[in-house]
N, C-alpha and C. Protein backbone atom coordinates (compact mmCIF):
# COMPACT_ATOMS: atom_id res chain seq x y z
N MET A 1 -6.56 6.22 4.68
CA MET A 1 -6.73 7.65 4.52
C MET A 1 -6.58 8.29 5.90
N HIS A 2 -5.84 9.40 5.95
CA HIS A 2 -5.61 10.02 7.26
C HIS A 2 -5.77 11.54 7.26
N TRP A 3 -6.27 12.10 6.17
CA TRP A 3 -6.57 13.55 6.09
C TRP A 3 -5.39 14.42 6.49
N PHE A 4 -4.16 14.03 6.10
CA PHE A 4 -2.92 14.78 6.35
C PHE A 4 -2.57 14.88 7.82
N LYS A 5 -3.12 14.01 8.66
CA LYS A 5 -2.82 14.05 10.09
C LYS A 5 -1.93 12.90 10.53
N GLY A 6 -1.76 11.88 9.68
CA GLY A 6 -0.87 10.77 10.00
C GLY A 6 -1.49 9.66 10.82
N GLU A 7 -2.70 9.84 11.27
CA GLU A 7 -3.38 8.80 12.03
C GLU A 7 -4.43 8.16 11.13
N GLY A 8 -4.25 6.86 10.89
CA GLY A 8 -5.17 6.16 9.99
C GLY A 8 -6.61 6.25 10.47
N ILE A 9 -7.46 6.71 9.60
CA ILE A 9 -8.87 6.85 9.92
C ILE A 9 -9.68 5.76 9.22
N GLU A 10 -9.35 5.55 7.96
CA GLU A 10 -10.16 4.66 7.15
C GLU A 10 -9.28 3.94 6.14
N ARG A 11 -9.52 2.65 5.95
CA ARG A 11 -8.77 1.87 4.96
C ARG A 11 -9.55 1.91 3.65
N ILE A 12 -8.99 2.64 2.67
CA ILE A 12 -9.69 2.75 1.38
C ILE A 12 -8.80 2.36 0.21
N ASP A 13 -7.51 2.13 0.43
CA ASP A 13 -6.59 1.79 -0.65
C ASP A 13 -6.33 0.29 -0.64
N TYR A 14 -6.55 -0.34 -1.78
CA TYR A 14 -6.36 -1.78 -1.90
C TYR A 14 -5.61 -2.10 -3.18
N ILE A 15 -4.97 -3.24 -3.21
CA ILE A 15 -4.38 -3.78 -4.43
C ILE A 15 -5.02 -5.14 -4.65
N PHE A 16 -5.66 -5.30 -5.80
CA PHE A 16 -6.33 -6.55 -6.12
C PHE A 16 -5.50 -7.32 -7.13
N LEU A 17 -5.47 -8.62 -6.98
CA LEU A 17 -4.71 -9.49 -7.87
C LEU A 17 -5.58 -10.65 -8.29
N SER A 18 -5.75 -10.82 -9.58
CA SER A 18 -6.54 -11.91 -10.10
C SER A 18 -5.73 -13.20 -10.13
N ASP A 19 -6.37 -14.32 -9.93
CA ASP A 19 -5.70 -15.62 -10.01
C ASP A 19 -5.12 -15.88 -11.40
N THR A 20 -5.64 -15.23 -12.41
CA THR A 20 -5.18 -15.46 -13.78
C THR A 20 -3.79 -14.87 -14.04
N HIS A 21 -3.27 -14.06 -13.12
CA HIS A 21 -1.95 -13.45 -13.32
C HIS A 21 -0.80 -14.38 -12.94
N ASN A 22 -1.08 -15.50 -12.29
CA ASN A 22 -0.06 -16.47 -11.90
C ASN A 22 1.03 -15.83 -11.03
N LEU A 23 0.62 -14.96 -10.11
CA LEU A 23 1.55 -14.29 -9.21
C LEU A 23 1.13 -14.53 -7.76
N ILE A 24 2.12 -14.44 -6.86
CA ILE A 24 1.82 -14.49 -5.43
C ILE A 24 2.50 -13.28 -4.77
N VAL A 25 2.00 -12.89 -3.64
CA VAL A 25 2.52 -11.74 -2.91
C VAL A 25 3.72 -12.17 -2.08
N LYS A 26 4.86 -11.50 -2.28
CA LYS A 26 6.06 -11.75 -1.48
C LYS A 26 6.06 -10.87 -0.23
N ASP A 27 5.67 -9.61 -0.40
CA ASP A 27 5.78 -8.66 0.71
C ASP A 27 4.80 -7.51 0.50
N VAL A 28 4.29 -6.97 1.58
CA VAL A 28 3.41 -5.80 1.54
C VAL A 28 3.90 -4.80 2.57
N LYS A 29 3.97 -3.54 2.15
CA LYS A 29 4.41 -2.49 3.08
C LYS A 29 3.51 -1.27 2.91
N ILE A 30 3.34 -0.56 3.98
CA ILE A 30 2.67 0.73 3.95
C ILE A 30 3.72 1.78 4.25
N ASP A 31 3.88 2.73 3.35
CA ASP A 31 4.90 3.77 3.49
C ASP A 31 4.34 4.89 4.35
N HIS A 32 4.91 5.06 5.55
CA HIS A 32 4.45 6.08 6.48
C HIS A 32 5.30 7.35 6.44
N TYR A 33 6.00 7.57 5.31
CA TYR A 33 6.85 8.75 5.17
C TYR A 33 6.06 10.03 5.42
N SER A 34 6.71 10.97 6.09
CA SER A 34 6.11 12.30 6.23
C SER A 34 7.21 13.35 6.15
N ASP A 35 6.92 14.39 5.44
CA ASP A 35 7.79 15.56 5.39
C ASP A 35 7.69 16.23 6.75
N PRO A 36 8.76 16.88 7.22
CA PRO A 36 8.66 17.54 8.54
C PRO A 36 7.55 18.59 8.61
N VAL A 37 7.14 19.12 7.48
CA VAL A 37 6.13 20.17 7.47
C VAL A 37 4.73 19.60 7.25
N GLN A 38 4.60 18.68 6.27
CA GLN A 38 3.28 18.16 5.94
C GLN A 38 3.41 16.82 5.23
N TYR A 39 2.42 15.96 5.42
CA TYR A 39 2.38 14.69 4.68
C TYR A 39 2.18 14.99 3.19
N PRO A 40 2.86 14.24 2.30
CA PRO A 40 2.73 14.50 0.87
C PRO A 40 1.36 14.10 0.29
N SER A 41 0.60 13.32 1.04
CA SER A 41 -0.71 12.87 0.57
C SER A 41 -1.61 12.61 1.77
N ASP A 42 -2.90 12.50 1.52
CA ASP A 42 -3.81 12.15 2.61
C ASP A 42 -3.97 10.63 2.70
N HIS A 43 -3.14 9.89 1.94
CA HIS A 43 -3.12 8.43 1.98
C HIS A 43 -1.70 7.96 2.23
N PHE A 44 -1.55 6.83 2.90
CA PHE A 44 -0.25 6.18 2.98
C PHE A 44 -0.15 5.23 1.80
N PRO A 45 0.91 5.33 0.97
CA PRO A 45 1.03 4.43 -0.17
C PRO A 45 1.16 2.97 0.25
N VAL A 46 0.51 2.09 -0.50
CA VAL A 46 0.60 0.65 -0.28
C VAL A 46 1.52 0.10 -1.37
N VAL A 47 2.58 -0.61 -0.95
CA VAL A 47 3.57 -1.14 -1.88
C VAL A 47 3.58 -2.67 -1.75
N VAL A 48 3.45 -3.35 -2.89
CA VAL A 48 3.41 -4.81 -2.89
C VAL A 48 4.49 -5.36 -3.80
N ASP A 49 5.21 -6.37 -3.31
CA ASP A 49 6.22 -7.06 -4.09
C ASP A 49 5.65 -8.43 -4.46
N PHE A 50 5.56 -8.70 -5.78
CA PHE A 50 5.01 -9.96 -6.27
C PHE A 50 6.12 -10.86 -6.79
N LYS A 51 5.83 -12.13 -6.85
CA LYS A 51 6.71 -13.05 -7.56
C LYS A 51 5.85 -14.03 -8.35
N GLU A 52 6.45 -14.62 -9.36
CA GLU A 52 5.73 -15.55 -10.21
C GLU A 52 5.50 -16.85 -9.45
N LYS A 53 4.27 -17.35 -9.56
CA LYS A 53 3.90 -18.62 -8.92
C LYS A 53 4.49 -19.77 -9.71
N ARG A 54 5.23 -20.62 -9.06
CA ARG A 54 5.82 -21.79 -9.72
C ARG A 54 4.96 -23.01 -9.44
N GLU A 55 4.64 -23.73 -10.48
CA GLU A 55 3.78 -24.92 -10.30
C GLU A 55 4.51 -26.18 -10.64
């Protein structure tokens, strides 16, 4: 959360994954996009790419 200022103040956004889903995380990114006038949100979106766990 950055209150529309772009400087991270507090980490409040998480993505939880249960072991029962049989998935693993391939990649995690935080989208720091900002409009030239104002940030579209007071949070940076967290994007996760999953893949199926092979056993």
